[in-house]
Amino acid sequence: MKASISFLSSKFTTLETLIKIDSTDASYVHVDIMDGKFTDSVFDPIEELKHTVLSKKLDVHLMTLDVLNWIEKLNNLNISYITFHSEIKENKKKIIEYIKSQKIKVGMAINPETKVSSIKPYLKDLDLVLVLGVNPGKGGQEFILNTVDKIEELKNLKKEFGYKYKIEVDGGINDENAKLVEKAGCDIIVCGSFVCKRNNFQEQINLLK
């Protein structure tokens, strides 16, 4: 199971946190972007990322409306995945095609109240499904336990239909529930506070693994 580390909630500055994440053996830097419309909070670290040299690829999670406009702002960053939310009203097929046209892997995220069945028409085209274990908008929330059921459902659909997507979980992840989500079929865990609220990031990642 791979680790994608979020810098949304940290005891260090954004720059210090990014450098510390980059020095670990985590697979990705997880980039949360919030526009204050899809979520109540605003968080836009794009300019800081453009002026920070990182060796790790970015795993971008857009908690935004106007998704295509936000993707344009990410131009020239070293991105592996761009994930947008299933709950938006925009043309999701068009967004998936556009992200793929940029030679970037595409993901779709589902909020805690959103059922897996709502994204079934898109699963065959996705590289990633991000299951939120908390309500989007801020770090440090407690993991919602029935998230595990969604991971298992996605794992079963993947096996049944031969889909290729990775399953990622984000929100409230620690060393205890990391075991649960891995057993359920999770491929990538997103972790923020559990790692970035401590001095030794690598030590915390070791606990997760």
C-alpha atoms as a PDB file:
ATOM      1  CA  MET A   1       0.000   0.000   0.000  1.00  0.00           C
ATOM      2  CA  LYS A   2       1.385   3.391  -1.037  1.00  0.00           C
ATOM      3  CA  ALA A   3       1.321   6.607   1.006  1.00  0.00           C
ATOM      4  CA  SER A   4       0.340  10.031  -0.311  1.00  0.00           C
ATOM      5  CA  ILE A   5       1.084  12.741   2.257  1.00  0.00           C
ATOM      6  CA  SER A   6      -1.114  15.831   2.556  1.00  0.00           C
ATOM      7  CA  PHE A   7       0.353  19.125   3.799  1.00  0.00           C
ATOM      8  CA  LEU A   8      -3.044  20.737   4.503  1.00  0.00           C
ATOM      9  CA  SER A   9      -2.681  20.405   8.288  1.00  0.00           C
ATOM     10  CA  SER A  10       0.873  20.690   9.608  1.00  0.00           C
ATOM     11  CA  LYS A  11       2.872  22.114  12.520  1.00  0.00           C
ATOM     12  CA  PHE A  12       5.361  23.532  10.002  1.00  0.00           C
ATOM     13  CA  THR A  13       5.100  26.129   7.235  1.00  0.00           C
ATOM     14  CA  THR A  14       3.943  24.919   3.812  1.00  0.00           C
ATOM     15  CA  LEU A  15       7.460  25.121   2.388  1.00  0.00           C
ATOM     16  CA  GLU A  16       9.002  23.287   5.356  1.00  0.00           C
ATOM     17  CA  THR A  17       6.289  20.625   5.198  1.00  0.00           C
ATOM     18  CA  LEU A  18       6.759  20.045   1.466  1.00  0.00           C
ATOM     19  CA  ILE A  19      10.517  19.638   1.888  1.00  0.00           C
ATOM     20  CA  LYS A  20      10.049  17.232   4.806  1.00  0.00           C
ATOM     21  CA  ILE A  21       7.521  15.122   2.838  1.00  0.00           C
ATOM     22  CA  ASP A  22       9.866  15.063  -0.142  1.00  0.00           C
ATOM     23  CA  SER A  23      12.646  13.611   2.032  1.00  0.00           C
ATOM     24  CA  THR A  24      10.528  10.598   3.084  1.00  0.00           C
ATOM     25  CA  ASP A  25       9.788   7.372   1.192  1.00  0.00           C
ATOM     26  CA  ALA A  26       6.152   8.385   0.613  1.00  0.00           C
ATOM     27  CA  SER A  27       4.989   7.762  -2.954  1.00  0.00           C
ATOM     28  CA  TYR A  28       3.272  11.120  -3.559  1.00  0.00           C
ATOM     29  CA  VAL A  29       2.739  14.611  -2.214  1.00  0.00           C
ATOM     30  CA  HIS A  30      -1.033  14.949  -1.842  1.00  0.00           C
ATOM     31  CA  VAL A  31      -2.238  18.403  -2.900  1.00  0.00           C
ATOM     32  CA  ASP A  32      -5.604  19.504  -1.504  1.00  0.00           C
ATOM     33  CA  ILE A  33      -7.133  22.457  -3.338  1.00  0.00           C
ATOM     34  CA  MET A  34     -10.322  24.112  -2.022  1.00  0.00           C
ATOM     35  CA  ASP A  35     -12.135  27.000  -3.666  1.00  0.00           C
ATOM     36  CA  GLY A  36     -14.483  28.114  -0.868  1.00  0.00           C
ATOM     37  CA  LYS A  37     -17.456  27.153  -3.051  1.00  0.00           C
ATOM     38  CA  PHE A  38     -17.450  23.365  -3.106  1.00  0.00           C
ATOM     39  CA  THR A  39     -16.118  23.581   0.455  1.00  0.00           C
ATOM     40  CA  ASP A  40     -16.413  26.298   3.090  1.00  0.00           C
ATOM     41  CA  SER A  41     -12.625  26.578   3.336  1.00  0.00           C
ATOM     42  CA  VAL A  42     -10.153  28.015   0.839  1.00  0.00           C
ATOM     43  CA  PHE A  43      -6.742  26.435   0.234  1.00  0.00           C
ATOM     44  CA  ASP A  44      -4.748  27.164  -2.904  1.00  0.00           C
ATOM     45  CA  PRO A  45      -1.044  26.222  -2.699  1.00  0.00           C
ATOM     46  CA  ILE A  46      -0.451  26.224  -6.476  1.00  0.00           C
ATOM     47  CA  GLU A  47       1.934  29.204  -6.566  1.00  0.00           C
ATOM     48  CA  GLU A  48       4.005  27.801  -3.700  1.00  0.00           C
ATOM     49  CA  LEU A  49       4.228  24.458  -5.496  1.00  0.00           C
ATOM     50  CA  LYS A  50       5.391  26.164  -8.681  1.00  0.00           C
ATOM     51  CA  HIS A  51       8.269  27.747  -6.759  1.00  0.00           C
ATOM     52  CA  THR A  52       9.284  24.617  -4.825  1.00  0.00           C
ATOM     53  CA  VAL A  53      11.515  21.940  -6.328  1.00  0.00           C
ATOM     54  CA  LEU A  54      10.195  18.497  -5.368  1.00  0.00           C
ATOM     55  CA  SER A  55      11.355  15.073  -6.495  1.00  0.00           C
ATOM     56  CA  LYS A  56       8.001  13.421  -5.776  1.00  0.00           C
ATOM     57  CA  LYS A  57       5.042  13.523  -8.131  1.00  0.00           C
ATOM     58  CA  LEU A  58       1.852  15.263  -7.077  1.00  0.00           C
ATOM     59  CA  ASP A  59      -1.468  13.620  -6.287  1.00  0.00           C
ATOM     60  CA  VAL A  60      -3.922  16.511  -6.743  1.00  0.00           C
ATOM     61  CA  HIS A  61      -7.360  16.515  -5.106  1.00  0.00           C
ATOM     62  CA  LEU A  62      -9.634  19.254  -6.460  1.00  0.00           C
ATOM     63  CA  MET A  63     -12.388  20.123  -3.982  1.00  0.00           C
ATOM     64  CA  THR A  64     -13.638  22.770  -6.376  1.00  0.00           C
ATOM     65  CA  LEU A  65     -16.249  23.830  -8.857  1.00  0.00           C
ATOM     66  CA  ASP A  66     -15.097  25.071 -12.300  1.00  0.00           C
ATOM     67  CA  VAL A  67     -12.800  22.058 -12.483  1.00  0.00           C
ATOM     68  CA  LEU A  68     -11.403  22.730 -15.968  1.00  0.00           C
ATOM     69  CA  ASN A  69     -10.314  26.233 -14.968  1.00  0.00           C
ATOM     70  CA  TRP A  70      -8.468  24.857 -11.954  1.00  0.00           C
ATOM     71  CA  ILE A  71      -6.735  22.242 -14.086  1.00  0.00           C
ATOM     72  CA  GLU A  72      -5.414  25.045 -16.296  1.00  0.00           C
ATOM     73  CA  LYS A  73      -3.810  26.642 -13.220  1.00  0.00           C
ATOM     74  CA  LEU A  74      -1.892  23.399 -12.561  1.00  0.00           C
ATOM     75  CA  ASN A  75       0.009  23.694 -15.832  1.00  0.00           C
ATOM     76  CA  ASN A  76       3.699  22.663 -15.714  1.00  0.00           C
ATOM     77  CA  LEU A  77       3.519  20.916 -12.328  1.00  0.00           C
ATOM     78  CA  ASN A  78       4.837  17.361 -11.971  1.00  0.00           C
ATOM     79  CA  ILE A  79       1.464  15.627 -11.541  1.00  0.00           C
ATOM     80  CA  SER A  80       0.635  11.939 -11.432  1.00  0.00           C
ATOM     81  CA  TYR A  81      -3.102  12.149 -10.609  1.00  0.00           C
ATOM     82  CA  ILE A  82      -5.777  14.842 -10.780  1.00  0.00           C
ATOM     83  CA  THR A  83      -8.914  13.882  -8.889  1.00  0.00           C
ATOM     84  CA  PHE A  84     -12.183  15.822  -9.016  1.00  0.00           C
ATOM     85  CA  HIS A  85     -15.455  15.294  -7.177  1.00  0.00           C
ATOM     86  CA  SER A  86     -18.379  13.253  -8.430  1.00  0.00           C
ATOM     87  CA  GLU A  87     -20.813  15.646  -6.735  1.00  0.00           C
ATOM     88  CA  ILE A  88     -20.148  18.558  -9.117  1.00  0.00           C
ATOM     89  CA  LYS A  89     -22.717  19.449 -11.811  1.00  0.00           C
ATOM     90  CA  GLU A  90     -20.204  19.824 -14.642  1.00  0.00           C
ATOM     91  CA  ASN A  91     -19.825  17.362 -17.513  1.00  0.00           C
ATOM     92  CA  LYS A  92     -17.753  14.646 -15.840  1.00  0.00           C
ATOM     93  CA  LYS A  93     -17.056  12.758 -19.059  1.00  0.00           C
ATOM     94  CA  LYS A  94     -15.581  15.902 -20.598  1.00  0.00           C
ATOM     95  CA  ILE A  95     -13.358  16.469 -17.548  1.00  0.00           C
ATOM     96  CA  ILE A  96     -12.104  12.870 -17.624  1.00  0.00           C
ATOM     97  CA  GLU A  97     -11.242  13.167 -21.321  1.00  0.00           C
ATOM     98  CA  TYR A  98      -9.498  16.501 -20.819  1.00  0.00           C
ATOM     99  CA  ILE A  99      -7.302  15.281 -17.951  1.00  0.00           C
ATOM    100  CA  LYS A 100      -6.308  12.220 -19.966  1.00  0.00           C
ATOM    101  CA  SER A 101      -5.484  14.426 -22.960  1.00  0.00           C
ATOM    102  CA  GLN A 102      -2.904  16.152 -20.732  1.00  0.00           C
ATOM    103  CA  LYS A 103      -1.172  12.774 -20.174  1.00  0.00           C
ATOM    104  CA  ILE A 104      -2.225  12.816 -16.514  1.00  0.00           C
ATOM    105  CA  LYS A 105      -4.055  10.032 -14.677  1.00  0.00           C
ATOM    106  CA  VAL A 106      -7.617  10.882 -13.702  1.00  0.00           C
ATOM    107  CA  GLY A 107      -9.442  10.194 -10.456  1.00  0.00           C
ATOM    108  CA  MET A 108     -12.937  10.754  -9.123  1.00  0.00           C
ATOM    109  CA  ALA A 109     -13.692  11.390  -5.455  1.00  0.00           C
ATOM    110  CA  ILE A 110     -16.807  10.545  -3.474  1.00  0.00           C
ATOM    111  CA  ASN A 111     -17.906  12.255  -0.264  1.00  0.00           C
ATOM    112  CA  PRO A 112     -19.003  10.211   2.783  1.00  0.00           C
ATOM    113  CA  GLU A 113     -22.704  10.527   1.893  1.00  0.00           C
ATOM    114  CA  THR A 114     -22.183   9.637  -1.791  1.00  0.00           C
ATOM    115  CA  LYS A 115     -22.852   6.049  -2.845  1.00  0.00           C
ATOM    116  CA  VAL A 116     -20.454   4.074  -5.029  1.00  0.00           C
ATOM    117  CA  SER A 117     -23.356   3.291  -7.370  1.00  0.00           C
ATOM    118  CA  SER A 118     -23.463   6.967  -8.433  1.00  0.00           C
ATOM    119  CA  ILE A 119     -20.061   6.694 -10.163  1.00  0.00           C
ATOM    120  CA  LYS A 120     -20.491   3.279 -11.784  1.00  0.00           C
ATOM    121  CA  PRO A 121     -20.871   4.768 -15.311  1.00  0.00           C
ATOM    122  CA  TYR A 122     -17.378   6.275 -15.025  1.00  0.00           C
ATOM    123  CA  LEU A 123     -15.399   3.467 -13.385  1.00  0.00           C
ATOM    124  CA  LYS A 124     -14.134   1.963 -16.643  1.00  0.00           C
ATOM    125  CA  ASP A 125     -12.460   5.278 -17.566  1.00  0.00           C
ATOM    126  CA  LEU A 126     -10.873   6.083 -14.190  1.00  0.00           C
ATOM    127  CA  ASP A 127      -7.312   5.530 -13.014  1.00  0.00           C
ATOM    128  CA  LEU A 128      -8.208   6.280  -9.400  1.00  0.00           C
ATOM    129  CA  VAL A 129     -11.230   6.372  -7.104  1.00  0.00           C
ATOM    130  CA  LEU A 130     -10.761   8.494  -3.986  1.00  0.00           C
ATOM    131  CA  VAL A 131     -13.026   7.564  -1.072  1.00  0.00           C
ATOM    132  CA  LEU A 132     -13.317  10.306   1.529  1.00  0.00           C
ATOM    133  CA  GLY A 133     -13.276   9.070   5.112  1.00  0.00           C
ATOM    134  CA  VAL A 134     -14.271  12.527   6.389  1.00  0.00           C
ATOM    135  CA  ASN A 135     -16.353  15.427   5.125  1.00  0.00           C
ATOM    136  CA  PRO A 136     -14.226  17.605   2.807  1.00  0.00           C
ATOM    137  CA  GLY A 137     -12.957  20.984   3.888  1.00  0.00           C
ATOM    138  CA  LYS A 138     -10.497  20.684   6.761  1.00  0.00           C
ATOM    139  CA  GLY A 139      -7.842  18.397   8.188  1.00  0.00           C
ATOM    140  CA  GLY A 140      -7.780  16.581  11.517  1.00  0.00           C
ATOM    141  CA  GLN A 141     -11.255  14.989  11.397  1.00  0.00           C
ATOM    142  CA  GLU A 142     -12.082  11.521  12.699  1.00  0.00           C
ATOM    143  CA  PHE A 143     -12.339   8.664  10.195  1.00  0.00           C
ATOM    144  CA  ILE A 144     -15.907   7.533   9.313  1.00  0.00           C
ATOM    145  CA  LEU A 145     -15.912   3.766   9.763  1.00  0.00           C
ATOM    146  CA  ASN A 146     -18.378   2.780   7.013  1.00  0.00           C
ATOM    147  CA  THR A 147     -15.812   4.103   4.510  1.00  0.00           C
ATOM    148  CA  VAL A 148     -14.379   0.576   4.712  1.00  0.00           C
ATOM    149  CA  ASP A 149     -17.581  -0.826   3.158  1.00  0.00           C
ATOM    150  CA  LYS A 150     -17.177   1.462   0.132  1.00  0.00           C
ATOM    151  CA  ILE A 151     -13.590   0.328  -0.366  1.00  0.00           C
ATOM    152  CA  GLU A 152     -14.711  -3.297  -0.339  1.00  0.00           C
ATOM    153  CA  GLU A 153     -17.491  -2.517  -2.822  1.00  0.00           C
ATOM    154  CA  LEU A 154     -15.034  -0.819  -5.173  1.00  0.00           C
ATOM    155  CA  LYS A 155     -12.617  -3.736  -4.845  1.00  0.00           C
ATOM    156  CA  ASN A 156     -15.380  -6.184  -5.769  1.00  0.00           C
ATOM    157  CA  LEU A 157     -16.495  -4.113  -8.778  1.00  0.00           C
ATOM    158  CA  LYS A 158     -12.909  -3.853  -9.943  1.00  0.00           C
ATOM    159  CA  LYS A 159     -12.510  -7.609  -9.779  1.00  0.00           C
ATOM    160  CA  GLU A 160     -15.883  -8.362 -11.380  1.00  0.00           C
ATOM    161  CA  PHE A 161     -15.468  -6.079 -14.399  1.00  0.00           C
ATOM    162  CA  GLY A 162     -11.689  -6.013 -14.762  1.00  0.00           C
ATOM    163  CA  TYR A 163     -11.379  -2.291 -14.051  1.00  0.00           C
ATOM    164  CA  LYS A 164      -7.892  -0.824 -13.652  1.00  0.00           C
ATOM    165  CA  TYR A 165      -8.444   1.990 -11.139  1.00  0.00           C
ATOM    166  CA  LYS A 166      -6.523   2.303  -7.893  1.00  0.00           C
ATOM    167  CA  ILE A 167      -8.503   2.773  -4.689  1.00  0.00           C
ATOM    168  CA  GLU A 168      -7.388   5.671  -2.511  1.00  0.00           C
ATOM    169  CA  VAL A 169      -8.762   6.725   0.878  1.00  0.00           C
ATOM    170  CA  ASP A 170      -8.390  10.169   2.430  1.00  0.00           C
ATOM    171  CA  GLY A 171      -9.366  11.580   5.812  1.00  0.00           C
ATOM    172  CA  GLY A 172      -8.639  10.677   9.415  1.00  0.00           C
ATOM    173  CA  ILE A 173      -6.079   8.009   8.521  1.00  0.00           C
ATOM    174  CA  ASN A 174      -3.816   6.761  11.314  1.00  0.00           C
ATOM    175  CA  ASP A 175      -1.826   3.613  12.113  1.00  0.00           C
ATOM    176  CA  GLU A 176      -4.929   1.768  13.351  1.00  0.00           C
ATOM    177  CA  ASN A 177      -7.445   2.367  10.560  1.00  0.00           C
ATOM    178  CA  ALA A 178      -4.704   2.085   7.919  1.00  0.00           C
ATOM    179  CA  LYS A 179      -4.766  -1.650   8.619  1.00  0.00           C
ATOM    180  CA  LEU A 180      -8.539  -1.759   8.094  1.00  0.00           C
ATOM    181  CA  VAL A 181      -8.500   0.046   4.755  1.00  0.00           C
ATOM    182  CA  GLU A 182      -5.579  -2.013   3.460  1.00  0.00           C
ATOM    183  CA  LYS A 183      -7.420  -5.226   4.300  1.00  0.00           C
ATOM    184  CA  ALA A 184     -10.538  -3.860   2.552  1.00  0.00           C
ATOM    185  CA  GLY A 185      -8.594  -3.327  -0.683  1.00  0.00           C
ATOM    186  CA  CYS A 186      -7.123   0.163  -0.529  1.00  0.00           C
ATOM    187  CA  ASP A 187      -4.067   0.791  -2.749  1.00  0.00           C
ATOM    188  CA  ILE A 188      -3.112   4.314  -1.618  1.00  0.00           C
ATOM    189  CA  ILE A 189      -3.669   6.012   1.735  1.00  0.00           C
ATOM    190  CA  VAL A 190      -3.692   9.774   2.088  1.00  0.00           C
ATOM    191  CA  CYS A 191      -2.415  10.947   5.440  1.00  0.00           C
ATOM    192  CA  GLY A 192      -1.973  14.465   6.739  1.00  0.00           C
ATOM    193  CA  SER A 193      -2.195  15.293  10.438  1.00  0.00           C
ATOM    194  CA  PHE A 194      -0.887  11.905  11.608  1.00  0.00           C
ATOM    195  CA  VAL A 195       2.370  12.617   9.763  1.00  0.00           C
ATOM    196  CA  CYS A 196       2.659  16.393   9.538  1.00  0.00           C
ATOM    197  CA  LYS A 197       1.754  17.211  13.145  1.00  0.00           C
ATOM    198  CA  ARG A 198       4.884  15.337  14.278  1.00  0.00           C
ATOM    199  CA  ASN A 199       8.568  16.205  14.027  1.00  0.00           C
ATOM    200  CA  ASN A 200       9.685  12.977  12.351  1.00  0.00           C
ATOM    201  CA  PHE A 201       7.594  12.400   9.218  1.00  0.00           C
ATOM    202  CA  GLN A 202       9.351   9.197   8.197  1.00  0.00           C
ATOM    203  CA  GLU A 203       8.781   7.643  11.616  1.00  0.00           C
ATOM    204  CA  GLN A 204       5.031   8.271  11.291  1.00  0.00           C
ATOM    205  CA  ILE A 205       4.959   6.841   7.763  1.00  0.00           C
ATOM    206  CA  ASN A 206       6.730   3.727   9.055  1.00  0.00           C
ATOM    207  CA  LEU A 207       3.940   3.312  11.605  1.00  0.00           C
ATOM    208  CA  LEU A 208       1.348   3.513   8.818  1.00  0.00           C
ATOM    209  CA  LYS A 209       3.135   0.835   6.807  1.00  0.00           C
END
